[in-house]
Amino acid sequence: MSICILSNAKRFLQNTCGSVLPIFVPLLPILLAIVGMAVDYSRASMASAKLQAALDATALAIAPNAPSLSASQLTAQASTYFSELLSNAGVANSTINISYSTTNGPQVLVSGSAIVKTLFLGMPPINMTAINIASSSTITWGASRLRVALVLDNTGSMADYGKLTALKTATQNLLTQLQTAAVNNGDVYVSIIPFVKDVNAGSANYNANWIDWTDWDANNGTCAASGYHHHGGGGGGATKATCSGTWTPAAHSTWNGCITDRGATNAPSPDNYDTNVVAPTTAITATLFPAEQYGSCPLQLTGLSYNWSAMSTLVNQMTPNGNTNQEIGLVWGWQSLVGGGPLTAPAMDPNFQYNQVIILLTDGLNTQDRWYTDEASIDARQQMTCNNVKTAGITLYTVQVNTGGDPTSTLLQNCATDSGKFFLLTSASEIITTFNTIGTKISKLRIAK
């Protein structure tokens, strides 16, 4: 063993007794290069992230106007926006390219590049003075199409506290949002289902083979007995069951268009047709839609459409009347997305992805359907429908407008796709802001990297 006592730095540098310095000194440039490489590549990585963020933001900002801009206008706007976003990113020689196309749906493609000047890698022996970075961002809004069913409470209590007025405004605003999200006809379809205890399938369809007239014929007609004629009508007077003479059903052309619930468990039908969208068939009467002459029949529902003017007119004509049956509104909202009965769902193009959404708004708890008059029983049927809707891959928003101090609806909470899609409102004005929030979420452009 050798022990060396050094008295000063000079002797330290000259001394070779047990020293690693002769080994370390030749490696110093390499070690510095490694450290420098880590620093410079870390800077480049952060700059690359900023470049990606700038490209994403530029694509989102430019996309809404892209269809109406020329190629030169598109490039000019994108360049200005992109340059501002990168002004403090620590890069140089940035470039951007942008294009708009409608192949397989409208899309904006933005790509960009820049350089990051190095602090250490430019020194020998590496001599790399800059690191190149590049990335791209694509905004697609045609590759994903949207179908929305608006299931809207039109019951009598909606007249209170300005709720129906607010609902009309909110729905008109939502229709505008959805129309704006559509670049081409068919990008967005909307159906509107006004509901009370029943829905209105359209009185002009009285000759359709999807209607079950059994109960209607028994409750609407003329009883001839002892020389007297008693007219039934679903709201008073004779019925087939009370007629002691000859019962003559009324002409189906006098039907007001109202449809009540299909068959339910423990009802005459052993199947849950009131909770699903099985296609009606004359071979199984329980699958048909039962006609009813309900005195508070709402406006006729409208199937999937992009006739924005007609939908706006329908919304303006909504009036409050009748009792609450959320279940029938929900199942017909679902029916509108798949078609059946008076509704036709346009075929889906396999080149596109489809997002299907139901928005159910109500201000009251369930009070009546075809089979039950107690809330618990009706709620149980509706929960089955909610589960079926979600299993079908449909996104379900539920909105409870609670201006009357009702309990918070556990049913509506459980029906929503998730907790973020249930809204509890305590004033009419909140309907407008809530529909705007939902509209923004479902029409938001999607970044595809």
Protein backbone atom coordinates (compact mmCIF):
# COMPACT_ATOMS: atom_id res chain seq x y z
CA MET A 1 0.00 0.00 0.00
CA SER A 2 1.22 3.48 -0.82
CA ILE A 3 0.22 6.50 1.29
CA CYS A 4 0.71 9.93 -0.29
CA ILE A 5 0.45 13.22 1.60
CA LEU A 6 -0.06 16.15 -0.73
CA SER A 7 0.60 19.70 0.36
CA ASN A 8 -0.87 21.67 -2.51
CA ALA A 9 -2.85 21.43 -5.68
CA LYS A 10 0.16 21.38 -7.93
CA ARG A 11 1.58 18.36 -6.21
CA PHE A 12 -1.92 16.78 -6.37
CA LEU A 13 -2.03 17.13 -10.11
CA GLN A 14 1.51 15.80 -10.46
CA ASN A 15 0.99 12.92 -8.06
CA THR A 16 -0.01 9.55 -9.51
CA CYS A 17 -0.13 7.59 -6.26
CA GLY A 18 -3.55 5.86 -6.15
CA SER A 19 -5.13 8.59 -8.35
CA VAL A 20 -7.97 8.12 -10.88
CA LEU A 21 -7.34 11.51 -12.47
CA PRO A 22 -5.26 10.12 -15.34
CA ILE A 23 -8.29 7.95 -16.20
CA PHE A 24 -10.95 10.67 -15.67
CA VAL A 25 -9.33 13.46 -17.69
CA PRO A 26 -9.53 11.70 -21.09
CA LEU A 27 -13.19 10.82 -20.42
CA LEU A 28 -14.23 14.35 -19.46
CA PRO A 29 -15.31 15.46 -22.98
CA ILE A 30 -17.41 12.35 -23.36
CA LEU A 31 -19.11 12.84 -19.99
CA LEU A 32 -19.82 16.48 -20.77
CA ALA A 33 -21.26 15.42 -24.12
CA ILE A 34 -23.59 12.95 -22.40
CA VAL A 35 -24.80 15.57 -19.91
CA GLY A 36 -25.21 18.11 -22.70
CA MET A 37 -27.12 15.63 -24.80
CA ALA A 38 -29.58 15.04 -21.93
CA VAL A 39 -30.11 18.78 -21.46
CA ASP A 40 -30.61 19.53 -25.14
CA TYR A 41 -32.93 16.60 -25.77
CA SER A 42 -34.97 17.51 -22.71
CA ARG A 43 -35.38 21.02 -24.13
CA ALA A 44 -36.35 19.53 -27.48
CA SER A 45 -38.92 17.27 -25.83
CA MET A 46 -40.58 20.21 -24.07
CA ALA A 47 -40.54 22.21 -27.29
CA SER A 48 -42.12 19.29 -29.14
CA ALA A 49 -44.96 19.19 -26.61
CA LYS A 50 -45.53 22.91 -27.13
CA LEU A 51 -45.50 22.40 -30.88
CA GLN A 52 -48.16 19.67 -30.58
CA ALA A 53 -50.33 21.85 -28.35
CA ALA A 54 -50.02 24.73 -30.82
CA LEU A 55 -51.02 22.49 -33.72
CA ASP A 56 -54.03 21.11 -31.81
CA ALA A 57 -55.18 24.59 -30.84
CA THR A 58 -54.70 25.91 -34.37
CA ALA A 59 -56.69 23.04 -35.86
CA LEU A 60 -59.56 23.55 -33.42
CA ALA A 61 -59.63 27.29 -34.01
CA ILE A 62 -59.58 27.03 -37.80
CA ALA A 63 -61.86 24.02 -38.32
CA PRO A 64 -65.27 25.72 -37.92
CA ASN A 65 -64.50 28.17 -40.75
CA ALA A 66 -62.48 25.82 -42.94
CA PRO A 67 -65.34 24.84 -45.31
CA SER A 68 -65.91 28.47 -46.30
CA LEU A 69 -62.25 29.51 -46.73
CA SER A 70 -60.02 29.26 -49.77
CA ALA A 71 -56.71 27.41 -49.46
CA SER A 72 -54.76 30.67 -49.22
CA GLN A 73 -57.13 32.11 -46.60
CA LEU A 74 -56.93 28.90 -44.60
CA THR A 75 -53.12 28.99 -44.64
CA ALA A 76 -52.97 32.69 -43.72
CA GLN A 77 -55.28 32.31 -40.73
CA ALA A 78 -53.55 29.17 -39.52
CA SER A 79 -50.08 30.72 -39.83
CA THR A 80 -51.06 33.78 -37.80
CA TYR A 81 -52.63 31.73 -35.03
CA PHE A 82 -49.81 29.19 -34.97
CA SER A 83 -47.07 31.84 -34.80
CA GLU A 84 -48.70 33.55 -31.84
CA LEU A 85 -48.95 30.29 -29.92
CA LEU A 86 -45.29 29.42 -30.55
CA SER A 87 -43.87 32.86 -29.82
CA ASN A 88 -42.54 31.79 -26.40
CA ALA A 89 -41.82 28.15 -27.14
CA GLY A 90 -38.06 28.56 -27.60
CA VAL A 91 -38.02 27.34 -31.20
CA ALA A 92 -36.87 28.78 -34.51
CA ASN A 93 -37.70 28.37 -38.19
CA SER A 94 -41.25 27.18 -37.50
CA THR A 95 -43.44 26.18 -40.44
CA ILE A 96 -47.04 25.07 -40.76
CA ASN A 97 -49.08 23.36 -43.44
CA ILE A 98 -52.86 23.07 -43.36
CA SER A 99 -55.37 21.35 -45.60
CA TYR A 100 -59.12 20.76 -45.62
CA SER A 101 -60.81 17.79 -47.26
CA THR A 102 -64.18 16.04 -47.27
CA THR A 103 -62.94 12.53 -48.04
CA ASN A 104 -64.70 10.17 -45.62
CA GLY A 105 -66.12 13.19 -43.85
CA PRO A 106 -64.82 16.75 -43.40
CA GLN A 107 -61.44 17.09 -41.73
CA VAL A 108 -58.67 19.62 -41.18
CA LEU A 109 -55.08 18.34 -41.19
CA VAL A 110 -52.39 20.58 -39.71
CA SER A 111 -48.70 19.68 -39.70
CA GLY A 112 -45.79 21.76 -38.48
CA SER A 113 -42.09 21.73 -37.80
CA ALA A 114 -39.43 23.82 -36.07
CA ILE A 115 -35.87 23.59 -34.78
CA VAL A 116 -34.48 23.82 -31.28
CA LYS A 117 -30.97 25.30 -31.17
CA THR A 118 -28.67 23.26 -28.96
CA LEU A 119 -26.59 24.52 -26.04
CA PHE A 120 -24.13 21.63 -25.76
CA LEU A 121 -24.47 19.30 -28.71
CA GLY A 122 -23.00 21.89 -31.05
CA MET A 123 -19.59 21.42 -29.48
CA PRO A 124 -17.06 18.89 -30.77
CA PRO A 125 -17.10 16.02 -31.27
CA ILE A 126 -20.91 15.97 -31.92
CA ASN A 127 -21.27 19.33 -33.70
CA MET A 128 -25.11 19.19 -33.77
CA THR A 129 -26.27 22.81 -33.73
CA ALA A 130 -30.04 22.15 -33.86
CA ILE A 131 -32.64 19.44 -33.26
CA ASN A 132 -35.55 19.15 -35.68
CA ILE A 133 -39.04 18.63 -34.27
CA ALA A 134 -42.28 17.97 -36.16
CA SER A 135 -45.84 16.85 -35.48
CA SER A 136 -49.41 17.01 -36.80
CA SER A 137 -53.01 17.28 -35.67
CA THR A 138 -56.25 16.24 -37.36
CA ILE A 139 -59.70 17.53 -36.58
CA THR A 140 -62.49 15.28 -37.84
CA TRP A 141 -66.14 16.04 -37.43
CA GLY A 142 -67.66 14.21 -40.32
CA ALA A 143 -66.15 10.82 -39.56
CA SER A 144 -68.30 10.79 -36.42
CA ARG A 145 -71.98 11.44 -36.98
CA LEU A 146 -74.55 12.33 -34.36
CA ARG A 147 -78.13 11.27 -33.75
CA VAL A 148 -80.03 12.91 -30.90
CA ALA A 149 -83.50 12.17 -29.52
CA LEU A 150 -85.06 14.99 -27.49
CA VAL A 151 -87.65 13.55 -25.09
CA LEU A 152 -89.50 16.55 -23.71
CA ASP A 153 -92.08 16.73 -20.92
CA ASN A 154 -95.23 18.56 -22.09
CA THR A 155 -97.38 17.78 -19.04
CA GLY A 156 -99.64 20.29 -17.34
CA SER A 157 -97.15 21.19 -14.59
CA MET A 158 -94.72 22.51 -17.21
CA ALA A 159 -96.93 25.61 -17.31
CA ASP A 160 -95.72 26.58 -13.82
CA TYR A 161 -92.77 28.90 -13.14
CA GLY A 162 -92.18 29.52 -16.85
CA LYS A 163 -90.76 26.03 -17.38
CA LEU A 164 -92.25 25.36 -20.79
CA THR A 165 -91.21 28.80 -22.03
CA ALA A 166 -87.66 28.16 -20.88
CA LEU A 167 -87.73 24.67 -22.43
CA LYS A 168 -88.72 26.15 -25.78
CA THR A 169 -85.84 28.63 -25.67
CA ALA A 170 -83.38 25.97 -24.53
CA THR A 171 -84.46 23.55 -27.25
CA GLN A 172 -84.28 26.19 -29.98
CA ASN A 173 -80.75 27.05 -28.85
CA LEU A 174 -79.80 23.38 -28.80
CA LEU A 175 -81.14 22.87 -32.32
CA THR A 176 -78.98 25.78 -33.47
CA GLN A 177 -75.92 24.21 -31.82
CA LEU A 178 -76.58 20.89 -33.49
CA GLN A 179 -77.24 22.47 -36.86
CA THR A 180 -73.94 24.35 -36.61
CA ALA A 181 -72.12 21.11 -35.82
CA ALA A 182 -73.33 19.63 -39.11
CA VAL A 183 -71.23 20.48 -42.14
CA ASN A 184 -73.35 18.37 -44.50
CA ASN A 185 -76.96 17.22 -44.38
CA GLY A 186 -77.06 13.95 -42.47
CA ASP A 187 -74.10 14.71 -40.23
CA VAL A 188 -76.59 15.37 -37.42
CA TYR A 189 -80.12 14.00 -37.12
CA VAL A 190 -82.56 15.00 -34.39
CA SER A 191 -85.92 13.59 -33.30
CA ILE A 192 -88.37 15.32 -30.95
CA ILE A 193 -90.70 13.34 -28.69
CA PRO A 194 -93.21 15.49 -26.74
CA PHE A 195 -94.72 13.24 -24.08
CA VAL A 196 -97.39 13.29 -21.38
CA LYS A 197 -99.12 10.06 -20.31
CA ASP A 198 -99.10 9.11 -24.00
CA VAL A 199 -97.27 10.14 -27.13
CA ASN A 200 -98.86 11.20 -30.42
CA ALA A 201 -97.94 8.98 -33.37
CA GLY A 202 -100.00 10.99 -35.84
CA SER A 203 -103.74 10.64 -36.47
CA ALA A 204 -103.14 10.43 -40.23
CA ASN A 205 -101.66 6.96 -39.64
CA TYR A 206 -105.02 5.44 -38.71
CA ASN A 207 -104.77 2.89 -41.53
CA ALA A 208 -101.28 1.69 -40.48
CA ASN A 209 -100.83 -1.99 -39.67
CA TRP A 210 -98.69 -1.28 -36.61
CA ILE A 211 -101.63 -0.04 -34.51
CA ASP A 212 -103.50 -2.20 -32.01
CA TRP A 213 -107.15 -1.07 -32.00
CA THR A 214 -108.41 -3.55 -29.40
CA ASP A 215 -108.87 -1.16 -26.46
CA TRP A 216 -109.70 1.84 -28.65
CA ASP A 217 -112.54 -0.02 -30.38
CA ALA A 218 -113.89 -1.07 -26.97
CA ASN A 219 -113.89 2.47 -25.61
CA ASN A 220 -114.88 4.61 -28.60
CA GLY A 221 -118.11 3.99 -30.42
CA THR A 222 -121.90 3.97 -30.27
CA CYS A 223 -124.18 1.87 -28.10
CA ALA A 224 -127.66 1.19 -29.51
CA ALA A 225 -130.06 -0.03 -26.81
CA SER A 226 -133.84 0.38 -26.37
CA GLY A 227 -133.98 2.91 -29.16
CA TYR A 228 -131.33 5.18 -27.61
CA HIS A 229 -127.86 5.88 -28.94
CA HIS A 230 -125.08 6.47 -26.43
CA HIS A 231 -121.74 7.61 -27.75
CA GLY A 232 -118.53 6.47 -26.13
CA GLY A 233 -115.28 8.37 -26.45
CA GLY A 234 -112.79 7.35 -23.87
CA GLY A 235 -113.67 10.25 -21.64
CA GLY A 236 -117.27 9.46 -20.73
CA GLY A 237 -120.43 7.85 -22.00
CA ALA A 238 -120.87 4.23 -22.91
CA THR A 239 -118.16 1.69 -23.64
CA LYS A 240 -118.40 -1.80 -25.08
CA ALA A 241 -118.24 -3.18 -21.55
CA THR A 242 -121.16 -1.07 -20.34
CA CYS A 243 -123.29 -1.30 -23.46
CA SER A 244 -126.33 -3.53 -23.03
CA GLY A 245 -127.19 -3.38 -26.70
CA THR A 246 -125.26 -3.30 -29.93
CA TRP A 247 -121.83 -1.70 -29.77
CA THR A 248 -120.48 -0.09 -32.94
CA PRO A 249 -116.84 1.10 -32.77
CA ALA A 250 -116.17 4.59 -34.07
CA ALA A 251 -114.40 5.12 -37.36
CA HIS A 252 -110.63 4.92 -36.89
CA SER A 253 -110.34 8.19 -38.79
CA THR A 254 -111.63 9.93 -35.64
CA TRP A 255 -108.60 8.79 -33.64
CA ASN A 256 -106.54 11.69 -32.27
CA GLY A 257 -103.19 9.95 -32.75
CA CYS A 258 -102.41 9.05 -29.14
CA ILE A 259 -100.48 5.86 -28.35
CA THR A 260 -100.20 4.25 -24.92
CA ASP A 261 -97.78 1.67 -23.51
CA ARG A 262 -97.30 -1.74 -25.11
CA GLY A 263 -97.49 -5.01 -23.18
CA ALA A 264 -95.83 -5.36 -19.78
CA THR A 265 -95.11 -8.18 -17.36
CA ASN A 266 -98.21 -8.95 -15.24
CA ALA A 267 -100.27 -7.32 -17.96
CA PRO A 268 -102.18 -9.17 -20.69
CA SER A 269 -98.90 -9.66 -22.57
CA PRO A 270 -96.21 -11.82 -20.96
CA ASP A 271 -93.44 -9.83 -22.66
CA ASN A 272 -91.79 -6.52 -21.80
CA TYR A 273 -92.63 -4.78 -25.03
CA ASP A 274 -93.19 -1.54 -23.12
CA THR A 275 -89.47 -1.49 -22.25
CA ASN A 276 -87.91 -2.32 -25.61
CA VAL A 277 -87.99 -1.42 -29.31
CA VAL A 278 -88.90 -4.80 -30.80
CA ALA A 279 -90.36 -4.13 -34.24
CA PRO A 280 -94.17 -4.31 -34.34
CA THR A 281 -95.61 -7.26 -36.25
CA THR A 282 -99.22 -8.24 -36.92
CA ALA A 283 -98.27 -11.82 -36.02
CA ILE A 284 -97.89 -10.76 -32.36
CA THR A 285 -100.58 -8.31 -31.27
CA ALA A 286 -98.67 -7.33 -28.12
CA THR A 287 -95.90 -5.81 -30.26
CA LEU A 288 -98.33 -3.39 -31.90
CA PHE A 289 -98.74 0.14 -30.58
CA PRO A 290 -102.08 0.53 -28.74
CA ALA A 291 -104.25 3.43 -29.85
CA GLU A 292 -105.91 5.54 -27.14
CA GLN A 293 -108.19 8.55 -27.35
CA TYR A 294 -106.39 10.40 -24.54
CA GLY A 295 -107.97 13.80 -24.00
CA SER A 296 -104.62 15.54 -23.36
CA CYS A 297 -102.82 14.16 -26.41
CA PRO A 298 -99.55 16.10 -27.00
CA LEU A 299 -98.14 17.30 -30.32
CA GLN A 300 -97.22 14.64 -32.84
CA LEU A 301 -93.69 13.33 -32.40
CA THR A 302 -91.18 13.74 -35.21
CA GLY A 303 -88.60 11.15 -36.21
CA LEU A 304 -84.94 11.70 -37.08
CA SER A 305 -84.60 14.69 -39.35
CA TYR A 306 -82.40 17.61 -40.30
CA ASN A 307 -85.37 19.79 -41.22
CA TRP A 308 -84.38 22.42 -38.69
CA SER A 309 -87.19 24.80 -39.61
CA ALA A 310 -89.90 22.17 -39.10
CA MET A 311 -88.42 21.14 -35.74
CA SER A 312 -88.28 24.77 -34.63
CA THR A 313 -91.97 25.18 -35.52
CA LEU A 314 -92.87 22.05 -33.54
CA VAL A 315 -91.05 23.31 -30.46
CA ASN A 316 -92.82 26.68 -30.63
CA GLN A 317 -96.20 24.93 -30.71
CA MET A 318 -95.69 22.83 -27.57
CA THR A 319 -98.38 23.36 -24.89
CA PRO A 320 -98.66 21.94 -21.35
CA ASN A 321 -101.39 19.39 -20.55
CA GLY A 322 -101.89 15.93 -19.09
CA ASN A 323 -100.17 13.58 -16.66
CA THR A 324 -96.59 12.29 -16.48
CA ASN A 325 -95.34 9.02 -17.95
CA GLN A 326 -91.58 9.40 -18.51
CA GLU A 327 -91.35 5.76 -19.55
CA ILE A 328 -93.34 6.11 -22.76
CA GLY A 329 -91.40 9.21 -23.76
CA LEU A 330 -88.08 7.44 -23.20
CA VAL A 331 -88.99 4.28 -25.11
CA TRP A 332 -90.21 6.34 -28.06
CA GLY A 333 -87.03 8.39 -27.98
CA TRP A 334 -85.18 5.10 -28.32
CA GLN A 335 -87.65 3.95 -30.98
CA SER A 336 -86.87 7.06 -33.02
CA LEU A 337 -83.19 6.05 -33.18
CA VAL A 338 -83.91 2.57 -34.55
CA GLY A 339 -87.14 3.14 -36.45
CA GLY A 340 -90.46 1.35 -36.23
CA GLY A 341 -94.14 2.20 -36.42
CA PRO A 342 -94.46 5.77 -37.74
CA LEU A 343 -90.71 6.37 -37.50
CA THR A 344 -87.93 5.68 -39.97
CA ALA A 345 -84.28 5.74 -38.95
CA PRO A 346 -81.97 6.47 -41.91
CA ALA A 347 -79.47 3.71 -42.63
CA MET A 348 -76.01 4.19 -41.12
CA ASP A 349 -73.09 4.60 -43.52
CA PRO A 350 -70.36 2.06 -42.62
CA ASN A 351 -67.71 4.68 -43.43
CA PHE A 352 -68.73 6.70 -40.39
CA GLN A 353 -68.92 6.26 -36.65
CA TYR A 354 -72.24 7.14 -35.01
CA ASN A 355 -72.88 8.62 -31.59
CA GLN A 356 -76.48 8.16 -30.43
CA VAL A 357 -77.83 10.31 -27.60
CA ILE A 358 -81.15 10.63 -25.76
CA ILE A 359 -81.89 13.72 -23.66
CA LEU A 360 -84.85 13.18 -21.32
CA LEU A 361 -86.22 16.27 -19.55
CA THR A 362 -89.09 16.14 -17.08
CA ASP A 363 -90.40 18.28 -14.25
CA GLY A 364 -92.46 15.66 -12.47
CA LEU A 365 -92.44 12.20 -11.01
CA ASN A 366 -94.32 9.40 -12.77
CA THR A 367 -98.05 9.36 -12.05
CA GLN A 368 -99.75 7.19 -14.68
CA ASP A 369 -99.24 4.75 -17.53
CA ARG A 370 -101.40 2.12 -19.25
CA TRP A 371 -100.88 -0.54 -16.62
CA TYR A 372 -100.21 1.27 -13.33
CA THR A 373 -101.17 4.32 -11.31
CA ASP A 374 -98.52 4.02 -8.59
CA GLU A 375 -95.13 5.66 -9.06
CA ALA A 376 -93.09 2.69 -7.84
CA SER A 377 -94.50 0.32 -10.45
CA ILE A 378 -94.08 2.79 -13.29
CA ASP A 379 -90.54 3.56 -12.14
CA ALA A 380 -89.68 -0.13 -12.19
CA ARG A 381 -90.77 -0.37 -15.82
CA GLN A 382 -88.78 2.72 -16.71
CA GLN A 383 -85.63 1.44 -15.02
CA MET A 384 -85.81 -1.63 -17.24
CA THR A 385 -86.02 0.65 -20.28
CA CYS A 386 -83.08 2.74 -19.05
CA ASN A 387 -80.96 -0.37 -18.64
CA ASN A 388 -81.90 -1.55 -22.12
CA VAL A 389 -81.07 1.84 -23.64
CA LYS A 390 -77.61 1.89 -22.06
CA THR A 391 -76.95 -1.73 -23.03
CA ALA A 392 -77.69 -0.69 -26.62
CA GLY A 393 -74.75 1.74 -26.43
CA ILE A 394 -76.87 4.91 -26.39
CA THR A 395 -75.73 7.82 -24.23
CA LEU A 396 -78.56 8.90 -21.93
CA TYR A 397 -78.82 12.34 -20.33
CA THR A 398 -81.57 12.90 -17.75
CA VAL A 399 -82.74 16.32 -16.53
CA GLN A 400 -85.06 16.81 -13.55
CA VAL A 401 -86.58 20.29 -13.30
CA ASN A 402 -87.55 20.40 -9.64
CA THR A 403 -89.26 23.71 -8.96
CA GLY A 404 -91.99 22.20 -6.80
CA GLY A 405 -89.96 20.68 -4.00
CA ASP A 406 -90.27 17.08 -5.20
CA PRO A 407 -87.72 14.56 -3.96
CA THR A 408 -84.65 14.17 -6.13
CA SER A 409 -85.46 11.39 -8.56
CA THR A 410 -83.36 8.32 -7.80
CA LEU A 411 -84.80 6.84 -10.98
CA LEU A 412 -83.45 9.62 -13.19
CA GLN A 413 -80.09 9.48 -11.43
CA ASN A 414 -79.84 5.75 -12.09
CA CYS A 415 -81.13 6.09 -15.63
CA ALA A 416 -78.40 8.48 -16.77
CA THR A 417 -75.36 6.91 -18.42
CA ASP A 418 -73.22 8.18 -15.52
CA SER A 419 -73.47 10.69 -12.68
CA GLY A 420 -72.17 13.49 -14.88
CA LYS A 421 -75.15 13.09 -17.19
CA PHE A 422 -77.86 13.67 -14.57
CA PHE A 423 -78.87 17.28 -13.94
CA LEU A 424 -81.02 18.48 -11.03
CA LEU A 425 -82.44 21.95 -11.72
CA THR A 426 -84.35 24.17 -9.32
CA SER A 427 -85.31 27.01 -11.63
CA ALA A 428 -86.66 27.32 -15.16
CA SER A 429 -83.73 29.42 -16.35
CA GLU A 430 -81.35 26.54 -15.61
CA ILE A 431 -82.97 24.57 -18.43
CA ILE A 432 -81.37 26.97 -20.91
CA THR A 433 -77.86 26.75 -19.45
CA THR A 434 -78.10 22.97 -19.01
CA PHE A 435 -79.14 22.35 -22.61
CA ASN A 436 -76.28 24.57 -23.71
CA THR A 437 -73.86 22.50 -21.63
CA ILE A 438 -75.16 19.24 -23.05
CA GLY A 439 -75.19 20.64 -26.59
CA THR A 440 -71.57 21.72 -26.28
CA LYS A 441 -70.53 18.28 -25.06
CA ILE A 442 -72.24 16.29 -27.76
CA SER A 443 -71.33 18.54 -30.67
CA LYS A 444 -67.72 19.16 -29.64
CA LEU A 445 -65.12 18.58 -32.32
CA ARG A 446 -62.84 15.60 -31.76
CA ILE A 447 -59.05 15.77 -32.00
CA ALA A 448 -57.60 12.71 -33.70
CA LYS A 449 -53.81 12.48 -33.49
